Amino acid sequence: MALWLLSECLNWQKSGSGGQAELEGGDVEKVPLTSETPTSSEAVPNRQGKSEGNTKPSEYSEDPSATTKVTSARSNQSIMGDSMHSGLIRAEFGTLMLWYYVCDRTKLFSGAEKHTEEWKGWVQVLFLLYHYFEAKEAYNAIRLFIAGYVWMTGYGNFMYYYKTGDYCIGRFSQMMWRLNFLVFFACIVLNNSYMLYYICPMHTIFTILVYATLGLGAEWNQFKWAIWVKMLLAVFFVMVFWDMKMVFYFIWSPFKFLVGYLDPRKLGSDDLYEWYFRSSLDRFVWIYGMICAFVHPQATALLTAIDNMPPMKRYTVRSLVLAVTGAVGYYWFVHVYCLPKLEYNAIHPYTSWIPITLWIIVRNMTPTLRLNSLRMFGWLGCITLETYISQFHIWLSSDIPDGQPKSVLSLAPGYPLINFALCTAAYIFVSHRLFELTNTLKNAAVPHSNNRLLARNVILLAGVGIMFYSTTAGVMTMLE
């Protein structure tokens, strides 16, 4: 609210100073032409920075001192405008964080009641319905959906880095901001652990690993054999880092403050187990995502060759491919997917690539399937991170710090379908706004190509954060 009031004051000040100099093409103070001002034959810069001659003699011209005043006024108002816009963004973000707290921790609303983006949208909808209806029978499907997310982390990041060679710290920092900005404030506002939102640390660590795989020895990336060597080294790293549990615990033990988690509703003492369990389930599939991105040109060429075959041969080849795909899918479904939860978890890291590959084949079999997608699910796919985090607090609620969601938010008690519609509409709206705000603040705070400005912003943000945290901790201590 303070930021919003400050923004309104800046807006009022901006409006009040408009009488001194019109900034939108109005007249400015004129003085008689002197020898220091350009004549009709001299070039005068226009607003676009181009030079153009006067078409007729001018009796008046701008006084240099008046021009300086106008320029100063423009600069001051530009600064005020930027401050007002930035203040409104921060005020809106803070308000939405307050909505998180009101819905999740108060009794006001309590109750007992493109292809990859399209893919994310489908997955997120089913993932949310799984949580909303507590559909435990769909557990194996949810594990597969999360594997799909991690696959896209490897695929998308590899595709970007390999094509652009952009390994600058600014681009990497923007990715870290995108993955962790919202969850950072959710943890602070609601006193939750980072691992409660385990998708965020999972995507963060696998994004870092993709960056390291290509960024280290980047000069070798021009050789295909070097890429395959890097892939093998990544597999070896995973086998040492995850398959040898004592190594995993040894490395992460100093970071328990970040990835440690214990469910307050369950008994337990191993606060690293949740992080080990969640991350190990998908420890290989990000590498498979990189492999798919690397062989993408060859796969595209193969599909194009099939498209250019004579009709009868084309239909025969596609039918055979789909028949083999269906047979493999049926075998995987019967012998893997239908296994009980614990047995499925044991083989999931080694088999999740199978249904992902089958889906990719079917989804790209014809030009029509390749070139079309459902826009609504593509739009939802862009805000999956925000919908994932928001579901814990403004769609469902947990009531206690670090608690898993156990109740449904109630805006219309006694009317479950109306309540579902209202909560979902508010939830999607807030998630989309958080997506927009996060990206706007990212562009302002994390420059892509200015390391000096980036370092300054990091120091400022850290200093302000420590100051506010210390102040809040002191106030809470005094109140206790």
Foldseek 3Di string as FASTA:
>chain_A
DVLLVLLVVLVVVLVVPCVQDPDPPDDFDKDFDDPVDDFQQDWDQDPVRDTDGHPDTDGIDDDPVRVVVNVVSVVVNVVSVVSSVVSVLVVVLVVLLVLLCCQFAHPPFFDFFLVLLLLLLVLLVVVLVCQRVVVVVCVLVNLLSLLSVLLCLLQVLLLVCLVPVQLDPLVVVLVLLLLPVSLVSNCVSAVAASCLLVSSVLSNVLNVVSSCLCVVPVVCSVDPVSNVVSLVVLVVCLCVCQVVPVNVCVVCVVVCSHQFADAPVDDDDRRCPSVSLVNNLNSNSSSVSSVCNVCVVVVVVVLVVLVPDPPVSSVVVLVVVLVVLVVQVVCCCVPASPDDDVVNSVCNNPCSVSVVVSVVCVQSNDPVSSVDHDVVSSVSSLLSSLLSVLCDGQQFYQNHHNHGGNRGGHPDPPDNVVRNVVSVVVSVVSSVSVSVSSVVVSVVQRPRPDVVSNVVSVVVVVVVVVVVVVVVVVVVVVVD
